[in-house]
N, C-alpha and C. Protein backbone atom coordinates (compact mmCIF):
# COMPACT_ATOMS: atom_id res chain seq x y z
N MET A 1 -31.17 -23.94 -11.33
CA MET A 1 -31.75 -22.68 -11.73
C MET A 1 -31.60 -21.68 -10.59
N ILE A 2 -31.22 -20.46 -10.93
CA ILE A 2 -31.07 -19.39 -9.94
C ILE A 2 -32.39 -18.64 -9.84
N GLU A 3 -32.88 -18.47 -8.62
CA GLU A 3 -34.11 -17.73 -8.37
C GLU A 3 -33.74 -16.45 -7.63
N ILE A 4 -34.25 -15.33 -8.09
CA ILE A 4 -34.00 -14.06 -7.42
C ILE A 4 -35.31 -13.59 -6.81
N LYS A 5 -35.23 -13.25 -5.50
CA LYS A 5 -36.43 -12.80 -4.83
C LYS A 5 -36.06 -11.83 -3.72
N LYS A 6 -37.01 -10.98 -3.37
CA LYS A 6 -36.81 -10.06 -2.26
C LYS A 6 -37.05 -10.81 -0.97
N ASP A 7 -36.22 -10.51 0.01
CA ASP A 7 -36.38 -11.10 1.33
C ASP A 7 -37.62 -10.53 2.00
N GLU A 8 -38.41 -11.38 2.58
CA GLU A 8 -39.62 -10.96 3.27
C GLU A 8 -39.44 -10.93 4.78
N LYS A 9 -38.19 -10.86 5.25
CA LYS A 9 -37.84 -10.77 6.67
C LYS A 9 -38.22 -12.02 7.44
N LYS A 10 -38.31 -13.15 6.77
CA LYS A 10 -38.61 -14.42 7.42
C LYS A 10 -37.31 -15.17 7.66
N GLN A 11 -37.29 -15.96 8.72
CA GLN A 11 -36.15 -16.85 9.00
C GLN A 11 -34.85 -16.06 9.03
N VAL A 12 -34.81 -15.04 9.89
CA VAL A 12 -33.68 -14.13 9.94
C VAL A 12 -32.36 -14.86 10.19
N ALA A 13 -32.32 -15.75 11.15
CA ALA A 13 -31.06 -16.44 11.47
C ALA A 13 -30.57 -17.26 10.28
N ASP A 14 -31.48 -17.95 9.61
CA ASP A 14 -31.11 -18.76 8.46
C ASP A 14 -30.61 -17.89 7.31
N LEU A 15 -31.32 -16.79 7.04
CA LEU A 15 -30.90 -15.89 5.97
C LEU A 15 -29.55 -15.25 6.30
N ALA A 16 -29.37 -14.85 7.56
CA ALA A 16 -28.10 -14.24 7.96
C ALA A 16 -26.96 -15.21 7.72
N GLU A 17 -27.14 -16.46 8.06
CA GLU A 17 -26.10 -17.47 7.85
C GLU A 17 -25.80 -17.63 6.36
N GLN A 18 -26.84 -17.67 5.53
CA GLN A 18 -26.64 -17.81 4.08
C GLN A 18 -25.90 -16.60 3.52
N ILE A 19 -26.27 -15.40 3.96
CA ILE A 19 -25.59 -14.19 3.49
C ILE A 19 -24.14 -14.20 3.94
N TYR A 20 -23.91 -14.59 5.20
CA TYR A 20 -22.55 -14.64 5.74
C TYR A 20 -21.69 -15.62 4.94
N GLN A 21 -22.24 -16.77 4.56
CA GLN A 21 -21.49 -17.75 3.79
C GLN A 21 -21.09 -17.20 2.43
N VAL A 22 -21.96 -16.42 1.80
CA VAL A 22 -21.61 -15.80 0.52
C VAL A 22 -20.48 -14.78 0.73
N LEU A 23 -20.59 -13.97 1.79
CA LEU A 23 -19.55 -12.97 2.05
C LEU A 23 -18.21 -13.64 2.33
N LYS A 24 -18.23 -14.75 3.08
CA LYS A 24 -16.98 -15.47 3.34
C LYS A 24 -16.39 -16.04 2.07
N ASP A 25 -17.25 -16.46 1.13
CA ASP A 25 -16.78 -17.02 -0.13
C ASP A 25 -16.16 -15.94 -1.02
N VAL A 26 -16.70 -14.74 -0.98
CA VAL A 26 -16.29 -13.69 -1.89
C VAL A 26 -15.11 -12.87 -1.36
N TYR A 27 -15.10 -12.60 -0.06
CA TYR A 27 -14.07 -11.74 0.53
C TYR A 27 -13.08 -12.55 1.35
N ALA A 28 -11.83 -12.09 1.39
CA ALA A 28 -10.83 -12.74 2.23
C ALA A 28 -11.26 -12.69 3.69
N VAL A 29 -11.83 -11.57 4.11
CA VAL A 29 -12.39 -11.40 5.45
C VAL A 29 -13.77 -10.78 5.27
N SER A 30 -14.80 -11.44 5.79
CA SER A 30 -16.15 -10.92 5.63
C SER A 30 -16.26 -9.53 6.25
N PRO A 31 -16.84 -8.55 5.52
CA PRO A 31 -16.97 -7.21 6.06
C PRO A 31 -17.98 -7.12 7.20
N TRP A 32 -18.87 -8.08 7.32
CA TRP A 32 -19.87 -8.10 8.39
C TRP A 32 -19.84 -9.46 9.06
N ASN A 33 -20.19 -9.48 10.37
CA ASN A 33 -20.36 -10.76 11.05
C ASN A 33 -21.84 -11.12 11.06
N ILE A 34 -22.16 -12.33 11.52
CA ILE A 34 -23.55 -12.80 11.48
C ILE A 34 -24.47 -11.90 12.29
N GLU A 35 -24.00 -11.45 13.45
CA GLU A 35 -24.84 -10.59 14.31
C GLU A 35 -25.19 -9.28 13.61
N GLN A 36 -24.24 -8.70 12.90
CA GLN A 36 -24.51 -7.47 12.16
C GLN A 36 -25.54 -7.72 11.05
N ILE A 37 -25.39 -8.83 10.37
CA ILE A 37 -26.32 -9.16 9.30
C ILE A 37 -27.72 -9.38 9.86
N GLU A 38 -27.83 -10.14 10.95
CA GLU A 38 -29.14 -10.38 11.57
C GLU A 38 -29.81 -9.07 11.97
N LYS A 39 -29.05 -8.19 12.59
CA LYS A 39 -29.59 -6.90 13.01
C LYS A 39 -30.09 -6.11 11.81
N ASP A 40 -29.31 -6.09 10.73
CA ASP A 40 -29.72 -5.34 9.55
C ASP A 40 -30.93 -5.97 8.87
N LEU A 41 -31.01 -7.30 8.88
CA LEU A 41 -32.18 -7.97 8.31
C LEU A 41 -33.47 -7.57 9.04
N GLN A 42 -33.35 -7.26 10.31
CA GLN A 42 -34.52 -6.89 11.11
C GLN A 42 -34.86 -5.41 11.00
N ASN A 43 -34.01 -4.63 10.36
CA ASN A 43 -34.25 -3.21 10.17
C ASN A 43 -35.35 -3.03 9.13
N PRO A 44 -36.46 -2.39 9.50
CA PRO A 44 -37.57 -2.25 8.53
C PRO A 44 -37.22 -1.40 7.32
N LEU A 45 -36.14 -0.64 7.39
CA LEU A 45 -35.73 0.19 6.25
C LEU A 45 -34.79 -0.54 5.31
N SER A 46 -34.29 -1.70 5.72
CA SER A 46 -33.37 -2.47 4.88
C SER A 46 -34.14 -3.38 3.95
N VAL A 47 -33.68 -3.46 2.72
CA VAL A 47 -34.25 -4.38 1.75
C VAL A 47 -33.11 -5.23 1.21
N TYR A 48 -33.27 -6.53 1.27
CA TYR A 48 -32.29 -7.44 0.70
C TYR A 48 -32.92 -8.11 -0.50
N VAL A 49 -32.19 -8.16 -1.58
CA VAL A 49 -32.60 -8.93 -2.74
C VAL A 49 -31.59 -10.06 -2.83
N LEU A 50 -32.08 -11.26 -2.72
CA LEU A 50 -31.21 -12.42 -2.63
C LEU A 50 -31.41 -13.33 -3.83
N ALA A 51 -30.33 -13.91 -4.28
CA ALA A 51 -30.41 -14.90 -5.36
C ALA A 51 -30.17 -16.26 -4.73
N PHE A 52 -31.07 -17.18 -4.96
CA PHE A 52 -30.97 -18.52 -4.42
C PHE A 52 -30.95 -19.52 -5.56
N GLN A 53 -30.26 -20.57 -5.34
CA GLN A 53 -30.36 -21.67 -6.31
C GLN A 53 -31.53 -22.45 -5.82
N GLY A 54 -32.28 -23.30 -6.89
CA GLY A 54 -33.50 -23.94 -6.49
C GLY A 54 -34.25 -22.70 -5.92
N SER A 55 -35.18 4.95 2.99
CA SER A 55 -35.59 6.32 3.30
C SER A 55 -36.57 6.79 2.32
N ASP A 56 -37.13 7.47 2.34
CA ASP A 56 -38.09 7.95 1.36
C ASP A 56 -37.41 8.50 0.12
N PHE A 57 -36.14 8.98 0.25
CA PHE A 57 -35.51 9.67 -0.86
C PHE A 57 -34.28 8.96 -1.41
N GLU A 58 -33.70 8.11 -0.61
CA GLU A 58 -32.49 7.45 -1.06
C GLU A 58 -32.41 6.04 -0.52
N ALA A 59 -31.51 5.27 -1.11
CA ALA A 59 -31.27 3.89 -0.69
C ALA A 59 -29.77 3.66 -0.71
N GLU A 60 -29.34 2.63 -0.02
CA GLU A 60 -27.92 2.31 0.00
C GLU A 60 -27.74 0.82 -0.19
N VAL A 61 -26.82 0.46 -1.05
CA VAL A 61 -26.43 -0.94 -1.21
C VAL A 61 -25.34 -1.19 -0.18
N LEU A 62 -25.67 -1.99 0.83
CA LEU A 62 -24.69 -2.28 1.88
C LEU A 62 -23.80 -3.44 1.53
N GLN A 63 -24.33 -4.43 0.87
CA GLN A 63 -23.56 -5.61 0.47
C GLN A 63 -24.13 -6.15 -0.84
N ILE A 64 -23.25 -6.53 -1.70
CA ILE A 64 -23.65 -7.32 -2.87
C ILE A 64 -22.49 -8.27 -3.13
N ALA A 65 -22.83 -9.52 -3.25
CA ALA A 65 -21.80 -10.53 -3.49
C ALA A 65 -22.44 -11.70 -4.23
N VAL A 66 -21.69 -12.25 -5.15
CA VAL A 66 -22.11 -13.44 -5.89
C VAL A 66 -21.02 -14.48 -5.70
N LYS A 67 -21.41 -15.68 -5.29
CA LYS A 67 -20.42 -16.74 -5.10
C LYS A 67 -19.57 -16.89 -6.35
N LYS A 68 -18.30 -17.18 -6.12
CA LYS A 68 -17.34 -17.26 -7.23
C LYS A 68 -17.81 -18.20 -8.33
N ALA A 69 -18.42 -19.31 -7.95
CA ALA A 69 -18.86 -20.29 -8.94
C ALA A 69 -19.93 -19.73 -9.87
N TYR A 70 -20.60 -18.64 -9.46
CA TYR A 70 -21.69 -18.08 -10.27
C TYR A 70 -21.35 -16.72 -10.86
N GLN A 71 -20.15 -16.22 -10.61
CA GLN A 71 -19.77 -14.93 -11.16
C GLN A 71 -19.66 -15.02 -12.69
N GLY A 72 -19.93 -13.90 -13.33
CA GLY A 72 -19.88 -13.85 -14.79
C GLY A 72 -21.15 -14.31 -15.47
N GLN A 73 -22.19 -14.57 -14.68
CA GLN A 73 -23.47 -15.04 -15.24
C GLN A 73 -24.56 -13.99 -15.16
N LYS A 74 -24.17 -12.73 -14.94
CA LYS A 74 -25.09 -11.59 -14.90
C LYS A 74 -26.06 -11.63 -13.73
N ILE A 75 -25.70 -12.36 -12.68
CA ILE A 75 -26.55 -12.41 -11.49
C ILE A 75 -26.56 -11.06 -10.79
N ALA A 76 -25.41 -10.41 -10.68
CA ALA A 76 -25.36 -9.08 -10.05
C ALA A 76 -26.23 -8.09 -10.83
N THR A 77 -26.18 -8.17 -12.14
CA THR A 77 -27.03 -7.30 -12.97
C THR A 77 -28.50 -7.57 -12.66
N ALA A 78 -28.87 -8.84 -12.55
CA ALA A 78 -30.26 -9.18 -12.23
C ALA A 78 -30.64 -8.68 -10.84
N LEU A 79 -29.72 -8.76 -9.88
CA LEU A 79 -29.99 -8.23 -8.55
C LEU A 79 -30.22 -6.73 -8.60
N PHE A 80 -29.40 -6.02 -9.36
CA PHE A 80 -29.52 -4.57 -9.44
C PHE A 80 -30.82 -4.15 -10.12
N GLU A 81 -31.41 -5.00 -10.92
CA GLU A 81 -32.70 -4.67 -11.54
C GLU A 81 -33.80 -4.52 -10.50
N HIS A 82 -33.58 -5.03 -9.29
CA HIS A 82 -34.57 -4.93 -8.21
C HIS A 82 -34.38 -3.67 -7.36
N LEU A 83 -33.35 -2.89 -7.63
CA LEU A 83 -33.16 -1.65 -6.89
C LEU A 83 -34.22 -0.64 -7.30
N PRO A 84 -34.65 0.19 -6.36
CA PRO A 84 -35.68 1.18 -6.71
C PRO A 84 -35.13 2.19 -7.73
N ILE A 85 -35.97 2.58 -8.67
CA ILE A 85 -35.55 3.56 -9.67
C ILE A 85 -35.96 4.98 -9.27
N ASP A 86 -36.80 5.09 -8.23
CA ASP A 86 -37.28 6.40 -7.82
C ASP A 86 -36.48 6.99 -6.66
N LYS A 87 -35.32 6.42 -6.37
CA LYS A 87 -34.48 6.90 -5.28
C LYS A 87 -33.03 7.03 -5.73
N GLU A 88 -32.33 7.96 -5.12
CA GLU A 88 -30.88 7.98 -5.29
C GLU A 88 -30.33 6.77 -4.55
N ILE A 89 -29.33 6.13 -5.11
CA ILE A 89 -28.75 4.94 -4.49
C ILE A 89 -27.25 5.17 -4.30
N PHE A 90 -26.78 4.85 -3.10
CA PHE A 90 -25.39 5.02 -2.74
C PHE A 90 -24.76 3.68 -2.42
N LEU A 91 -23.44 3.60 -2.58
CA LEU A 91 -22.69 2.42 -2.17
C LEU A 91 -21.23 2.80 -1.99
N GLU A 92 -20.50 1.94 -1.28
CA GLU A 92 -19.05 2.08 -1.15
C GLU A 92 -18.41 0.84 -1.74
N VAL A 93 -17.22 1.02 -2.29
CA VAL A 93 -16.48 -0.10 -2.88
C VAL A 93 -15.00 0.12 -2.62
N ARG A 94 -14.28 -0.98 -2.39
CA ARG A 94 -12.83 -0.88 -2.21
C ARG A 94 -12.21 -0.27 -3.46
N GLU A 95 -11.27 0.63 -3.24
CA GLU A 95 -10.59 1.27 -4.36
C GLU A 95 -9.91 0.24 -5.27
N SER A 96 -9.43 -0.87 -4.71
CA SER A 96 -8.72 -1.88 -5.50
C SER A 96 -9.65 -2.83 -6.25
N ASN A 97 -10.96 -2.76 -5.98
CA ASN A 97 -11.90 -3.69 -6.61
C ASN A 97 -12.31 -3.15 -7.98
N LYS A 98 -11.40 -3.29 -8.93
CA LYS A 98 -11.61 -2.73 -10.27
C LYS A 98 -12.81 -3.34 -10.99
N ALA A 99 -13.03 -4.64 -10.81
CA ALA A 99 -14.18 -5.28 -11.47
C ALA A 99 -15.49 -4.68 -10.95
N ALA A 100 -15.58 -4.48 -9.64
CA ALA A 100 -16.80 -3.90 -9.07
C ALA A 100 -16.98 -2.45 -9.54
N LEU A 101 -15.89 -1.69 -9.55
CA LEU A 101 -15.99 -0.31 -10.01
C LEU A 101 -16.51 -0.24 -11.45
N LEU A 102 -16.02 -1.09 -12.31
CA LEU A 102 -16.50 -1.13 -13.70
C LEU A 102 -17.96 -1.54 -13.77
N PHE A 103 -18.34 -2.53 -12.97
CA PHE A 103 -19.74 -2.98 -12.94
C PHE A 103 -20.65 -1.84 -12.50
N TYR A 104 -20.28 -1.15 -11.41
CA TYR A 104 -21.13 -0.06 -10.91
C TYR A 104 -21.23 1.07 -11.92
N GLN A 105 -20.14 1.38 -12.61
CA GLN A 105 -20.19 2.41 -13.64
C GLN A 105 -21.13 1.99 -14.76
N LYS A 106 -21.11 0.71 -15.11
CA LYS A 106 -22.02 0.19 -16.14
C LYS A 106 -23.48 0.33 -15.67
N GLU A 107 -23.67 0.24 -14.36
CA GLU A 107 -25.01 0.37 -13.78
C GLU A 107 -25.36 1.83 -13.48
N LYS A 108 -24.59 2.77 -14.07
CA LYS A 108 -24.83 4.21 -14.03
C LYS A 108 -24.54 4.86 -12.68
N PHE A 109 -23.64 4.25 -11.91
CA PHE A 109 -23.16 4.88 -10.69
C PHE A 109 -21.97 5.75 -11.04
N ILE A 110 -21.85 6.88 -10.34
CA ILE A 110 -20.70 7.77 -10.54
C ILE A 110 -19.95 7.90 -9.22
N LYS A 111 -18.65 8.15 -9.31
CA LYS A 111 -17.83 8.37 -8.12
C LYS A 111 -18.13 9.76 -7.58
N ILE A 112 -18.40 9.82 -6.26
CA ILE A 112 -18.70 11.13 -5.67
C ILE A 112 -17.79 11.49 -4.50
N ALA A 113 -17.11 10.50 -3.90
CA ALA A 113 -16.26 10.81 -2.75
C ALA A 113 -15.32 9.65 -2.47
N ARG A 114 -14.42 9.89 -1.54
CA ARG A 114 -13.48 8.87 -1.08
C ARG A 114 -13.53 8.87 0.45
N ARG A 115 -13.54 7.69 1.04
CA ARG A 115 -13.47 7.55 2.50
C ARG A 115 -12.12 6.93 2.83
N LYS A 116 -11.24 7.75 3.41
CA LYS A 116 -9.88 7.30 3.73
C LYS A 116 -9.92 6.18 4.77
N ASN A 117 -9.15 5.12 4.49
CA ASN A 117 -8.97 4.01 5.44
C ASN A 117 -10.29 3.41 5.93
N TYR A 118 -11.27 3.36 5.07
CA TYR A 118 -12.62 2.89 5.43
C TYR A 118 -12.63 1.38 5.70
N TYR A 119 -11.91 0.64 4.89
CA TYR A 119 -11.89 -0.82 5.02
C TYR A 119 -10.71 -1.27 5.89
N HIS A 120 -10.86 -2.47 6.45
CA HIS A 120 -9.79 -3.06 7.25
C HIS A 120 -9.43 -4.41 6.64
N GLU A 121 -8.26 -4.90 6.99
CA GLU A 121 -7.76 -6.22 6.56
C GLU A 121 -7.87 -6.42 5.05
N PRO A 122 -7.16 -5.74 4.24
CA PRO A 122 -6.22 -4.68 4.57
C PRO A 122 -6.90 -3.33 4.63
N VAL A 123 -6.22 -2.38 5.28
CA VAL A 123 -6.72 -1.01 5.34
C VAL A 123 -6.70 -0.44 3.93
N GLU A 124 -7.82 0.16 3.55
CA GLU A 124 -7.94 0.66 2.18
C GLU A 124 -9.04 1.71 2.11
N ASP A 125 -8.90 2.63 1.18
CA ASP A 125 -9.93 3.66 0.97
C ASP A 125 -11.16 3.04 0.31
N ALA A 126 -12.30 3.66 0.59
CA ALA A 126 -13.54 3.31 -0.09
C ALA A 126 -13.86 4.41 -1.09
N ILE A 127 -14.36 4.02 -2.24
CA ILE A 127 -14.89 4.95 -3.22
C ILE A 127 -16.41 4.97 -3.02
N VAL A 128 -16.95 6.15 -2.76
CA VAL A 128 -18.39 6.31 -2.59
C VAL A 128 -18.98 6.61 -3.96
N MET A 129 -20.04 5.87 -4.30
CA MET A 129 -20.66 6.03 -5.61
C MET A 129 -22.15 6.29 -5.44
N LYS A 130 -22.72 6.92 -6.44
CA LYS A 130 -24.14 7.30 -6.39
C LYS A 130 -24.76 7.09 -7.77
N ARG A 131 -25.99 6.60 -7.73
CA ARG A 131 -26.82 6.56 -8.96
C ARG A 131 -28.03 7.45 -8.73
N GLU A 132 -28.26 8.37 -9.63
CA GLU A 132 -29.40 9.27 -9.53
C GLU A 132 -30.70 8.50 -9.70
N ASN A 133 -31.77 9.04 -9.17
CA ASN A 133 -33.06 8.38 -9.36
C ASN A 133 -33.47 8.47 -10.83
N ASN A 134 -34.24 7.50 -11.24
CA ASN A 134 -34.73 7.36 -12.62
C ASN A 134 -33.62 7.14 -13.63
N GLU A 135 -32.48 6.63 -13.18
CA GLU A 135 -31.37 6.29 -14.10
C GLU A 135 -31.56 4.86 -14.56
């Protein structure tokens, strides 16, 4: 059974390792290293909503990933249900990630900008997307 819960900032090193393992599973090269994840977990403004087996005005989705074995089971949709509805929400996505772009559009995100050469390995543009509050 998959359990979805908000991180309560406990066991930072353990959570960072778990998040890193998911990123390594999903991406050819993880966009963040463990130290970056640990630092962000300790940021009081960051909120992580994690799925486990067994600003005042806006928010940003920095990472979302579902292990390949669990993709297609609406876990990402369930994770997005935990995003605040009273804030504008922003995210970036690789231009080539067509599945993610379609998912975000289904979740009422719209394309608002492009960041040239934002990603590395391979170098690629990012599409910046936004969901209005109360969407």
